[in-house]
Amino acid sequence: MRLVALVKARGLPQHLKIWPNNKSLAPLRESAHFRFTHEVLLHHIEQGDAARYLEMMQSNAFSYQFSVTDEEIGFDRLRQAALQYIGSEPIPWYFSYRVRIGIK
């Protein structure tokens, strides 16, 4: 990911941990701290347009803490594509959330 590479090159703090997006239930199970573990998938539908999509992408202030420009990470191109393909009329968005549960 371009953002992470740029931030690391600019001195990512040693205490800041970047977790992979695809973490599975295995670490919970392997920790032996839980007697029961389970993963559920939740769904949600809401409306959004290009402006809302771009706001969501910018809500990650991670890039702004390290002075990374929109052009460096391609946000300028993302903005152009979002306006072109999503547009200004709200459309349905389908969200899925993975929830991992561990009971001690």
PDB file of N, CA and C in Angstrom:
ATOM      1  N   MET A   1       0.848  -1.170   0.000  1.00  0.00           N
ATOM      2  CA  MET A   1       0.000   0.000   0.000  1.00  0.00           C
ATOM      3  C   MET A   1       0.898   1.239   0.000  1.00  0.00           C
ATOM      4  N   ARG A   2       0.638   2.112  -0.907  1.00  0.00           N
ATOM      5  CA  ARG A   2       1.472   3.301  -1.094  1.00  0.00           C
ATOM      6  C   ARG A   2       1.528   4.181   0.150  1.00  0.00           C
ATOM      7  N   LEU A   3       0.387   4.375   0.819  1.00  0.00           N
ATOM      8  CA  LEU A   3       0.348   5.223   2.003  1.00  0.00           C
ATOM      9  C   LEU A   3       1.274   4.690   3.089  1.00  0.00           C
ATOM     10  N   VAL A   4       1.187   3.409   3.376  1.00  0.00           N
ATOM     11  CA  VAL A   4       2.015   2.819   4.432  1.00  0.00           C
ATOM     12  C   VAL A   4       3.491   2.935   4.076  1.00  0.00           C
ATOM     13  N   ALA A   5       3.832   2.699   2.824  1.00  0.00           N
ATOM     14  CA  ALA A   5       5.231   2.816   2.404  1.00  0.00           C
ATOM     15  C   ALA A   5       5.742   4.241   2.585  1.00  0.00           C
ATOM     16  N   LEU A   6       4.946   5.224   2.217  1.00  0.00           N
ATOM     17  CA  LEU A   6       5.360   6.619   2.378  1.00  0.00           C
ATOM     18  C   LEU A   6       5.510   6.995   3.848  1.00  0.00           C
ATOM     19  N   VAL A   7       4.569   6.560   4.659  1.00  0.00           N
ATOM     20  CA  VAL A   7       4.623   6.884   6.084  1.00  0.00           C
ATOM     21  C   VAL A   7       5.831   6.224   6.742  1.00  0.00           C
ATOM     22  N   LYS A   8       6.107   4.979   6.374  1.00  0.00           N
ATOM     23  CA  LYS A   8       7.294   4.307   6.919  1.00  0.00           C
ATOM     24  C   LYS A   8       8.562   5.033   6.502  1.00  0.00           C
ATOM     25  N   ALA A   9       8.617   5.497   5.260  1.00  0.00           N
ATOM     26  CA  ALA A   9       9.798   6.217   4.773  1.00  0.00           C
ATOM     27  C   ALA A   9       9.981   7.542   5.511  1.00  0.00           C
ATOM     28  N   ARG A  10       8.898   8.082   6.035  1.00  0.00           N
ATOM     29  CA  ARG A  10       8.969   9.368   6.741  1.00  0.00           C
ATOM     30  C   ARG A  10       9.074   9.210   8.252  1.00  0.00           C
ATOM     31  N   GLY A  11       9.345   8.006   8.702  1.00  0.00           N
ATOM     32  CA  GLY A  11       9.578   7.819  10.118  1.00  0.00           C
ATOM     33  C   GLY A  11       8.374   7.379  10.915  1.00  0.00           C
ATOM     34  N   LEU A  12       7.753   6.310  10.497  1.00  0.00           N
ATOM     35  CA  LEU A  12       6.634   5.740  11.237  1.00  0.00           C
ATOM     36  C   LEU A  12       7.074   5.474  12.673  1.00  0.00           C
ATOM     37  N   PRO A  13       6.345   5.982  13.655  1.00  0.00           N
ATOM     38  CA  PRO A  13       6.731   5.726  15.045  1.00  0.00           C
ATOM     39  C   PRO A  13       6.813   4.230  15.339  1.00  0.00           C
ATOM     40  N   GLN A  14       7.805   3.839  16.081  1.00  0.00           N
ATOM     41  CA  GLN A  14       8.021   2.426  16.376  1.00  0.00           C
ATOM     42  C   GLN A  14       6.853   1.795  17.126  1.00  0.00           C
ATOM     43  N   HIS A  15       6.149   2.586  17.955  1.00  0.00           N
ATOM     44  CA  HIS A  15       5.046   2.041  18.742  1.00  0.00           C
ATOM     45  C   HIS A  15       3.768   1.851  17.934  1.00  0.00           C
ATOM     46  N   LEU A  16       3.711   2.399  16.732  1.00  0.00           N
ATOM     47  CA  LEU A  16       2.504   2.306  15.918  1.00  0.00           C
ATOM     48  C   LEU A  16       2.500   0.975  15.173  1.00  0.00           C
ATOM     49  N   LYS A  17       1.485   0.172  15.403  1.00  0.00           N
ATOM     50  CA  LYS A  17       1.366  -1.139  14.777  1.00  0.00           C
ATOM     51  C   LYS A  17       0.331  -1.076  13.672  1.00  0.00           C
ATOM     52  N   ILE A  18       0.685  -1.581  12.505  1.00  0.00           N
ATOM     53  CA  ILE A  18      -0.253  -1.663  11.391  1.00  0.00           C
ATOM     54  C   ILE A  18      -0.655  -3.122  11.244  1.00  0.00           C
ATOM     55  N   TRP A  19      -1.921  -3.403  11.513  1.00  0.00           N
ATOM     56  CA  TRP A  19      -2.420  -4.772  11.474  1.00  0.00           C
ATOM     57  C   TRP A  19      -2.916  -5.116  10.079  1.00  0.00           C
ATOM     58  N   PRO A  20      -2.680  -6.337   9.632  1.00  0.00           N
ATOM     59  CA  PRO A  20      -3.217  -6.762   8.332  1.00  0.00           C
ATOM     60  C   PRO A  20      -4.744  -6.761   8.369  1.00  0.00           C
ATOM     61  N   ASN A  21      -5.362  -6.448   7.256  1.00  0.00           N
ATOM     62  CA  ASN A  21      -6.822  -6.414   7.178  1.00  0.00           C
ATOM     63  C   ASN A  21      -7.446  -7.802   7.260  1.00  0.00           C
ATOM     64  N   ASN A  22      -6.695  -8.817   6.918  1.00  0.00           N
ATOM     65  CA  ASN A  22      -7.270 -10.150   6.810  1.00  0.00           C
ATOM     66  C   ASN A  22      -7.019 -11.007   8.056  1.00  0.00           C
ATOM     67  N   LYS A  23      -6.879 -10.370   9.212  1.00  0.00           N
ATOM     68  CA  LYS A  23      -6.673 -11.146  10.439  1.00  0.00           C
ATOM     69  C   LYS A  23      -7.877 -12.054  10.642  1.00  0.00           C
ATOM     70  N   SER A  24      -7.600 -13.312  10.899  1.00  0.00           N
ATOM     71  CA  SER A  24      -8.688 -14.266  11.077  1.00  0.00           C
ATOM     72  C   SER A  24      -8.939 -14.539  12.548  1.00  0.00           C
ATOM     73  N   LEU A  25      -9.771 -15.479  12.799  1.00  0.00           N
ATOM     74  CA  LEU A  25     -10.116 -15.881  14.151  1.00  0.00           C
ATOM     75  C   LEU A  25      -8.987 -16.678  14.811  1.00  0.00           C
ATOM     76  N   ALA A  26      -8.061 -17.156  14.027  1.00  0.00           N
ATOM     77  CA  ALA A  26      -6.986 -18.016  14.538  1.00  0.00           C
ATOM     78  C   ALA A  26      -6.212 -17.417  15.714  1.00  0.00           C
ATOM     79  N   PRO A  27      -5.806 -16.153  15.684  1.00  0.00           N
ATOM     80  CA  PRO A  27      -5.066 -15.626  16.840  1.00  0.00           C
ATOM     81  C   PRO A  27      -5.856 -15.684  18.151  1.00  0.00           C
ATOM     82  N   LEU A  28      -7.162 -15.466  18.087  1.00  0.00           N
ATOM     83  CA  LEU A  28      -7.983 -15.587  19.296  1.00  0.00           C
ATOM     84  C   LEU A  28      -7.972 -17.022  19.813  1.00  0.00           C
ATOM     85  N   ARG A  29      -8.162 -17.953  18.895  1.00  0.00           N
ATOM     86  CA  ARG A  29      -8.186 -19.371  19.292  1.00  0.00           C
ATOM     87  C   ARG A  29      -6.828 -19.819  19.818  1.00  0.00           C
ATOM     88  N   GLU A  30      -5.776 -19.432  19.117  1.00  0.00           N
ATOM     89  CA  GLU A  30      -4.430 -19.873  19.488  1.00  0.00           C
ATOM     90  C   GLU A  30      -3.928 -19.246  20.782  1.00  0.00           C
ATOM     91  N   SER A  31      -4.516 -18.152  21.195  1.00  0.00           N
ATOM     92  CA  SER A  31      -4.066 -17.486  22.413  1.00  0.00           C
ATOM     93  C   SER A  31      -4.383 -18.291  23.671  1.00  0.00           C
ATOM     94  N   ALA A  32      -5.349 -19.169  23.610  1.00  0.00           N
ATOM     95  CA  ALA A  32      -5.796 -19.985  24.744  1.00  0.00           C
ATOM     96  C   ALA A  32      -6.385 -19.140  25.870  1.00  0.00           C
ATOM     97  N   HIS A  33      -6.750 -17.904  25.591  1.00  0.00           N
ATOM     98  CA  HIS A  33      -7.382 -17.040  26.585  1.00  0.00           C
ATOM     99  C   HIS A  33      -8.911 -17.149  26.564  1.00  0.00           C
ATOM    100  N   PHE A  34      -9.447 -17.797  25.545  1.00  0.00           N
ATOM    101  CA  PHE A  34     -10.895 -17.846  25.388  1.00  0.00           C
ATOM    102  C   PHE A  34     -11.387 -19.285  25.328  1.00  0.00           C
ATOM    103  N   ARG A  35     -12.504 -19.539  26.014  1.00  0.00           N
ATOM    104  CA  ARG A  35     -13.092 -20.880  25.975  1.00  0.00           C
ATOM    105  C   ARG A  35     -14.022 -21.032  24.775  1.00  0.00           C
ATOM    106  N   PHE A  36     -14.440 -19.893  24.197  1.00  0.00           N
ATOM    107  CA  PHE A  36     -15.329 -19.918  23.034  1.00  0.00           C
ATOM    108  C   PHE A  36     -14.941 -18.778  22.108  1.00  0.00           C
ATOM    109  N   THR A  37     -14.811 -19.075  20.847  1.00  0.00           N
ATOM    110  CA  THR A  37     -14.560 -18.041  19.837  1.00  0.00           C
ATOM    111  C   THR A  37     -15.492 -18.276  18.657  1.00  0.00           C
ATOM    112  N   HIS A  38     -15.892 -17.188  18.044  1.00  0.00           N
ATOM    113  CA  HIS A  38     -16.795 -17.300  16.893  1.00  0.00           C
ATOM    114  C   HIS A  38     -16.687 -16.018  16.067  1.00  0.00           C
ATOM    115  N   GLU A  39     -16.967 -16.137  14.807  1.00  0.00           N
ATOM    116  CA  GLU A  39     -16.972 -14.973  13.922  1.00  0.00           C
ATOM    117  C   GLU A  39     -18.344 -14.879  13.274  1.00  0.00           C
ATOM    118  N   VAL A  40     -18.912 -13.684  13.274  1.00  0.00           N
ATOM    119  CA  VAL A  40     -20.190 -13.463  12.610  1.00  0.00           C
ATOM    120  C   VAL A  40     -20.007 -12.362  11.564  1.00  0.00           C
ATOM    121  N   LEU A  41     -20.821 -12.402  10.546  1.00  0.00           N
ATOM    122  CA  LEU A  41     -20.791 -11.407   9.485  1.00  0.00           C
ATOM    123  C   LEU A  41     -22.098 -10.631   9.529  1.00  0.00           C
ATOM    124  N   LEU A  42     -22.003  -9.322   9.723  1.00  0.00           N
ATOM    125  CA  LEU A  42     -23.169  -8.465   9.789  1.00  0.00           C
ATOM    126  C   LEU A  42     -23.252  -7.624   8.522  1.00  0.00           C
ATOM    127  N   HIS A  43     -24.466  -7.299   8.105  1.00  0.00           N
ATOM    128  CA  HIS A  43     -24.676  -6.511   6.896  1.00  0.00           C
ATOM    129  C   HIS A  43     -25.487  -5.261   7.221  1.00  0.00           C
ATOM    130  N   HIS A  44     -25.247  -4.237   6.424  1.00  0.00           N
ATOM    131  CA  HIS A  44     -25.941  -2.976   6.621  1.00  0.00           C
ATOM    132  C   HIS A  44     -26.053  -2.278   5.265  1.00  0.00           C
ATOM    133  N   ILE A  45     -27.175  -1.650   5.003  1.00  0.00           N
ATOM    134  CA  ILE A  45     -27.377  -0.904   3.752  1.00  0.00           C
ATOM    135  C   ILE A  45     -27.649   0.552   4.101  1.00  0.00           C
ATOM    136  N   GLU A  46     -26.951   1.456   3.433  1.00  0.00           N
ATOM    137  CA  GLU A  46     -27.246   2.887   3.570  1.00  0.00           C
ATOM    138  C   GLU A  46     -26.988   3.572   2.235  1.00  0.00           C
ATOM    139  N   GLN A  47     -27.312   4.846   2.164  1.00  0.00           N
ATOM    140  CA  GLN A  47     -27.185   5.607   0.922  1.00  0.00           C
ATOM    141  C   GLN A  47     -25.937   6.487   0.965  1.00  0.00           C
ATOM    142  N   GLY A  48     -25.327   6.693  -0.181  1.00  0.00           N
ATOM    143  CA  GLY A  48     -24.179   7.581  -0.240  1.00  0.00           C
ATOM    144  C   GLY A  48     -23.876   8.023  -1.654  1.00  0.00           C
ATOM    145  N   ASP A  49     -23.184   9.149  -1.776  1.00  0.00           N
ATOM    146  CA  ASP A  49     -22.755   9.665  -3.078  1.00  0.00           C
ATOM    147  C   ASP A  49     -21.231   9.793  -3.075  1.00  0.00           C
ATOM    148  N   ALA A  50     -20.673  10.348  -4.128  1.00  0.00           N
ATOM    149  CA  ALA A  50     -19.222  10.468  -4.255  1.00  0.00           C
ATOM    150  C   ALA A  50     -18.627  11.306  -3.133  1.00  0.00           C
ATOM    151  N   ALA A  51     -19.296  12.398  -2.767  1.00  0.00           N
ATOM    152  CA  ALA A  51     -18.770  13.263  -1.712  1.00  0.00           C
ATOM    153  C   ALA A  51     -18.683  12.504  -0.394  1.00  0.00           C
ATOM    154  N   ARG A  52     -19.695  11.734  -0.078  1.00  0.00           N
ATOM    155  CA  ARG A  52     -19.672  10.965   1.172  1.00  0.00           C
ATOM    156  C   ARG A  52     -18.584   9.904   1.127  1.00  0.00           C
ATOM    157  N   TYR A  53     -18.418   9.254   0.002  1.00  0.00           N
ATOM    158  CA  TYR A  53     -17.364   8.251  -0.152  1.00  0.00           C
ATOM    159  C   TYR A  53     -15.992   8.881   0.094  1.00  0.00           C
ATOM    160  N   LEU A  54     -15.755  10.024  -0.495  1.00  0.00           N
ATOM    161  CA  LEU A  54     -14.464  10.700  -0.330  1.00  0.00           C
ATOM    162  C   LEU A  54     -14.252  11.146   1.108  1.00  0.00           C
ATOM    163  N   GLU A  55     -15.315  11.589   1.769  1.00  0.00           N
ATOM    164  CA  GLU A  55     -15.210  11.953   3.185  1.00  0.00           C
ATOM    165  C   GLU A  55     -14.823  10.741   4.030  1.00  0.00           C
ATOM    166  N   MET A  56     -15.410   9.594   3.715  1.00  0.00           N
ATOM    167  CA  MET A  56     -15.066   8.375   4.446  1.00  0.00           C
ATOM    168  C   MET A  56     -13.599   8.017   4.244  1.00  0.00           C
ATOM    169  N   MET A  57     -13.112   8.162   3.024  1.00  0.00           N
ATOM    170  CA  MET A  57     -11.719   7.842   2.747  1.00  0.00           C
ATOM    171  C   MET A  57     -10.778   8.813   3.465  1.00  0.00           C
ATOM    172  N   GLN A  58     -11.175  10.053   3.581  1.00  0.00           N
ATOM    173  CA  GLN A  58     -10.341  11.056   4.239  1.00  0.00           C
ATOM    174  C   GLN A  58     -10.459  11.004   5.757  1.00  0.00           C
ATOM    175  N   SER A  59     -11.460  10.306   6.254  1.00  0.00           N
ATOM    176  CA  SER A  59     -11.637  10.268   7.708  1.00  0.00           C
ATOM    177  C   SER A  59     -10.499   9.536   8.401  1.00  0.00           C
ATOM    178  N   ASN A  60      -9.702   8.807   7.650  1.00  0.00           N
ATOM    179  CA  ASN A  60      -8.518   8.176   8.206  1.00  0.00           C
ATOM    180  C   ASN A  60      -7.430   9.235   8.270  1.00  0.00           C
ATOM    181  N   ALA A  61      -7.275   9.844   9.426  1.00  0.00           N
ATOM    182  CA  ALA A  61      -6.306  10.931   9.586  1.00  0.00           C
ATOM    183  C   ALA A  61      -4.868  10.441   9.608  1.00  0.00           C
ATOM    184  N   PHE A  62      -4.678   9.153   9.481  1.00  0.00           N
ATOM    185  CA  PHE A  62      -3.342   8.555   9.495  1.00  0.00           C
ATOM    186  C   PHE A  62      -2.394   9.260   8.528  1.00  0.00           C
ATOM    187  N   SER A  63      -2.847   9.486   7.301  1.00  0.00           N
ATOM    188  CA  SER A  63      -1.986  10.090   6.289  1.00  0.00           C
ATOM    189  C   SER A  63      -1.639  11.536   6.612  1.00  0.00           C
ATOM    190  N   TYR A  64      -2.538  12.238   7.286  1.00  0.00           N
ATOM    191  CA  TYR A  64      -2.301  13.649   7.553  1.00  0.00           C
ATOM    192  C   TYR A  64      -1.350  13.875   8.724  1.00  0.00           C
ATOM    193  N   GLN A  65      -1.153  12.863   9.551  1.00  0.00           N
ATOM    194  CA  GLN A  65      -0.208  12.968  10.653  1.00  0.00           C
ATOM    195  C   GLN A  65       1.232  12.968  10.153  1.00  0.00           C
ATOM    196  N   PHE A  66       1.434  12.496   8.945  1.00  0.00           N
ATOM    197  CA  PHE A  66       2.782  12.345   8.413  1.00  0.00           C
ATOM    198  C   PHE A  66       3.022  13.178   7.162  1.00  0.00           C
ATOM    199  N   SER A  67       2.214  14.191   6.942  1.00  0.00           N
ATOM    200  CA  SER A  67       2.374  15.124   5.823  1.00  0.00           C
ATOM    201  C   SER A  67       2.481  14.426   4.477  1.00  0.00           C
ATOM    202  N   VAL A  68       1.557  13.537   4.207  1.00  0.00           N
ATOM    203  CA  VAL A  68       1.486  12.871   2.910  1.00  0.00           C
ATOM    204  C   VAL A  68       0.446  13.617   2.084  1.00  0.00           C
ATOM    205  N   THR A  69       0.804  14.004   0.867  1.00  0.00           N
ATOM    206  CA  THR A  69      -0.132  14.771   0.044  1.00  0.00           C
ATOM    207  C   THR A  69      -1.105  13.853  -0.705  1.00  0.00           C
ATOM    208  N   ASP A  70      -2.225  14.428  -1.116  1.00  0.00           N
ATOM    209  CA  ASP A  70      -3.217  13.688  -1.895  1.00  0.00           C
ATOM    210  C   ASP A  70      -2.605  13.114  -3.169  1.00  0.00           C
ATOM    211  N   GLU A  71      -1.743  13.876  -3.802  1.00  0.00           N
ATOM    212  CA  GLU A  71      -1.125  13.437  -5.051  1.00  0.00           C
ATOM    213  C   GLU A  71      -0.188  12.251  -4.819  1.00  0.00           C
ATOM    214  N   GLU A  72       0.530  12.259  -3.714  1.00  0.00           N
ATOM    215  CA  GLU A  72       1.475  11.178  -3.430  1.00  0.00           C
ATOM    216  C   GLU A  72       0.789   9.827  -3.250  1.00  0.00           C
ATOM    217  N   ILE A  73      -0.390   9.845  -2.653  1.00  0.00           N
ATOM    218  CA  ILE A  73      -1.085   8.581  -2.413  1.00  0.00           C
ATOM    219  C   ILE A  73      -2.184   8.305  -3.440  1.00  0.00           C
ATOM    220  N   GLY A  74      -2.335   9.187  -4.422  1.00  0.00           N
ATOM    221  CA  GLY A  74      -3.302   8.967  -5.486  1.00  0.00           C
ATOM    222  C   GLY A  74      -4.715   9.388  -5.146  1.00  0.00           C
ATOM    223  N   PHE A  75      -4.879  10.163  -4.060  1.00  0.00           N
ATOM    224  CA  PHE A  75      -6.227  10.587  -3.687  1.00  0.00           C
ATOM    225  C   PHE A  75      -6.836  11.518  -4.721  1.00  0.00           C
ATOM    226  N   ASP A  76      -6.017  12.279  -5.406  1.00  0.00           N
ATOM    227  CA  ASP A  76      -6.530  13.154  -6.462  1.00  0.00           C
ATOM    228  C   ASP A  76      -7.184  12.331  -7.574  1.00  0.00           C
ATOM    229  N   ARG A  77      -6.577  11.198  -7.914  1.00  0.00           N
ATOM    230  CA  ARG A  77      -7.148  10.315  -8.945  1.00  0.00           C
ATOM    231  C   ARG A  77      -8.395   9.600  -8.417  1.00  0.00           C
ATOM    232  N   LEU A  78      -8.376   9.242  -7.127  1.00  0.00           N
ATOM    233  CA  LEU A  78      -9.548   8.619  -6.523  1.00  0.00           C
ATOM    234  C   LEU A  78     -10.724   9.590  -6.534  1.00  0.00           C
ATOM    235  N   ARG A  79     -10.473  10.841  -6.209  1.00  0.00           N
ATOM    236  CA  ARG A  79     -11.524  11.863  -6.209  1.00  0.00           C
ATOM    237  C   ARG A  79     -12.152  11.961  -7.604  1.00  0.00           C
ATOM    238  N   GLN A  80     -11.322  12.028  -8.619  1.00  0.00           N
ATOM    239  CA  GLN A  80     -11.809  12.136  -9.992  1.00  0.00           C
ATOM    240  C   GLN A  80     -12.642  10.904 -10.371  1.00  0.00           C
ATOM    241  N   ALA A  81     -12.165   9.712 -10.031  1.00  0.00           N
ATOM    242  CA  ALA A  81     -12.889   8.484 -10.361  1.00  0.00           C
ATOM    243  C   ALA A  81     -14.210   8.401  -9.603  1.00  0.00           C
ATOM    244  N   ALA A  82     -14.203   8.780  -8.323  1.00  0.00           N
ATOM    245  CA  ALA A  82     -15.434   8.722  -7.524  1.00  0.00           C
ATOM    246  C   ALA A  82     -16.493   9.650  -8.099  1.00  0.00           C
ATOM    247  N   LEU A  83     -16.094  10.854  -8.454  1.00  0.00           N
ATOM    248  CA  LEU A  83     -17.049  11.797  -9.030  1.00  0.00           C
ATOM    249  C   LEU A  83     -17.584  11.286 -10.360  1.00  0.00           C
ATOM    250  N   GLN A  84     -16.725  10.656 -11.146  1.00  0.00           N
ATOM    251  CA  GLN A  84     -17.138  10.139 -12.451  1.00  0.00           C
ATOM    252  C   GLN A  84     -18.054   8.921 -12.326  1.00  0.00           C
ATOM    253  N   TYR A  85     -17.712   7.968 -11.459  1.00  0.00           N
ATOM    254  CA  TYR A  85     -18.438   6.701 -11.421  1.00  0.00           C
ATOM    255  C   TYR A  85     -19.557   6.642 -10.380  1.00  0.00           C
ATOM    256  N   ILE A  86     -19.396   7.338  -9.263  1.00  0.00           N
ATOM    257  CA  ILE A  86     -20.452   7.314  -8.245  1.00  0.00           C
ATOM    258  C   ILE A  86     -21.403   8.485  -8.457  1.00  0.00           C
ATOM    259  N   GLY A  87     -20.856   9.663  -8.690  1.00  0.00           N
ATOM    260  CA  GLY A  87     -21.677  10.832  -8.967  1.00  0.00           C
ATOM    261  C   GLY A  87     -22.247  11.485  -7.719  1.00  0.00           C
ATOM    262  N   SER A  88     -23.173  12.416  -7.941  1.00  0.00           N
ATOM    263  CA  SER A  88     -23.726  13.210  -6.841  1.00  0.00           C
ATOM    264  C   SER A  88     -25.091  12.708  -6.358  1.00  0.00           C
ATOM    265  N   GLU A  89     -25.654  11.722  -7.036  1.00  0.00           N
ATOM    266  CA  GLU A  89     -26.931  11.148  -6.597  1.00  0.00           C
ATOM    267  C   GLU A  89     -26.663   9.990  -5.643  1.00  0.00           C
ATOM    268  N   PRO A  90     -27.337   9.969  -4.488  1.00  0.00           N
ATOM    269  CA  PRO A  90     -27.138   8.862  -3.546  1.00  0.00           C
ATOM    270  C   PRO A  90     -27.524   7.517  -4.158  1.00  0.00           C
ATOM    271  N   ILE A  91     -26.711   6.535  -3.873  1.00  0.00           N
ATOM    272  CA  ILE A  91     -26.952   5.159  -4.314  1.00  0.00           C
ATOM    273  C   ILE A  91     -26.831   4.251  -3.090  1.00  0.00           C
ATOM    274  N   PRO A  92     -27.408   3.038  -3.157  1.00  0.00           N
ATOM    275  CA  PRO A  92     -27.284   2.142  -1.999  1.00  0.00           C
ATOM    276  C   PRO A  92     -25.867   1.597  -1.869  1.00  0.00           C
ATOM    277  N   TRP A  93     -25.393   1.571  -0.648  1.00  0.00           N
ATOM    278  CA  TRP A  93     -24.094   0.977  -0.318  1.00  0.00           C
ATOM    279  C   TRP A  93     -24.365  -0.226   0.570  1.00  0.00           C
ATOM    280  N   TYR A  94     -23.673  -1.300   0.311  1.00  0.00           N
ATOM    281  CA  TYR A  94     -23.842  -2.527   1.079  1.00  0.00           C
ATOM    282  C   TYR A  94     -22.563  -2.764   1.872  1.00  0.00           C
ATOM    283  N   PHE A  95     -22.669  -2.691   3.194  1.00  0.00           N
ATOM    284  CA  PHE A  95     -21.527  -2.878   4.075  1.00  0.00           C
ATOM    285  C   PHE A  95     -21.605  -4.245   4.740  1.00  0.00           C
ATOM    286  N   SER A  96     -20.473  -4.877   4.903  1.00  0.00           N
ATOM    287  CA  SER A  96     -20.373  -6.110   5.679  1.00  0.00           C
ATOM    288  C   SER A  96     -19.304  -5.905   6.735  1.00  0.00           C
ATOM    289  N   TYR A  97     -19.584  -6.384   7.931  1.00  0.00           N
ATOM    290  CA  TYR A  97     -18.660  -6.261   9.049  1.00  0.00           C
ATOM    291  C   TYR A  97     -18.382  -7.644   9.613  1.00  0.00           C
ATOM    292  N   ARG A  98     -17.140  -7.966   9.812  1.00  0.00           N
ATOM    293  CA  ARG A  98     -16.769  -9.201  10.491  1.00  0.00           C
ATOM    294  C   ARG A  98     -16.567  -8.872  11.960  1.00  0.00           C
ATOM    295  N   VAL A  99     -17.272  -9.599  12.803  1.00  0.00           N
ATOM    296  CA  VAL A  99     -17.152  -9.413  14.239  1.00  0.00           C
ATOM    297  C   VAL A  99     -16.608 -10.704  14.822  1.00  0.00           C
ATOM    298  N   ARG A 100     -15.492 -10.580  15.506  1.00  0.00           N
ATOM    299  CA  ARG A 100     -14.877 -11.748  16.142  1.00  0.00           C
ATOM    300  C   ARG A 100     -15.153 -11.692  17.647  1.00  0.00           C
ATOM    301  N   ILE A 101     -15.686 -12.781  18.148  1.00  0.00           N
ATOM    302  CA  ILE A 101     -16.110 -12.840  19.533  1.00  0.00           C
ATOM    303  C   ILE A 101     -15.239 -13.843  20.288  1.00  0.00           C
ATOM    304  N   GLY A 102     -14.769 -13.424  21.456  1.00  0.00           N
ATOM    305  CA  GLY A 102     -14.023 -14.321  22.328  1.00  0.00           C
ATOM    306  C   GLY A 102     -14.597 -14.249  23.725  1.00  0.00           C
ATOM    307  N   ILE A 103     -14.995 -15.389  24.276  1.00  0.00           N
ATOM    308  CA  ILE A 103     -15.550 -15.436  25.625  1.00  0.00           C
ATOM    309  C   ILE A 103     -14.567 -16.173  26.520  1.00  0.00           C
ATOM    310  N   LYS A 104     -14.195 -15.527  27.608  1.00  0.00           N
ATOM    311  CA  LYS A 104     -13.231 -16.130  28.547  1.00  0.00           C
ATOM    312  C   LYS A 104     -13.873 -17.199  29.382  1.00  0.00           C
TER     313      LYS A 104
END
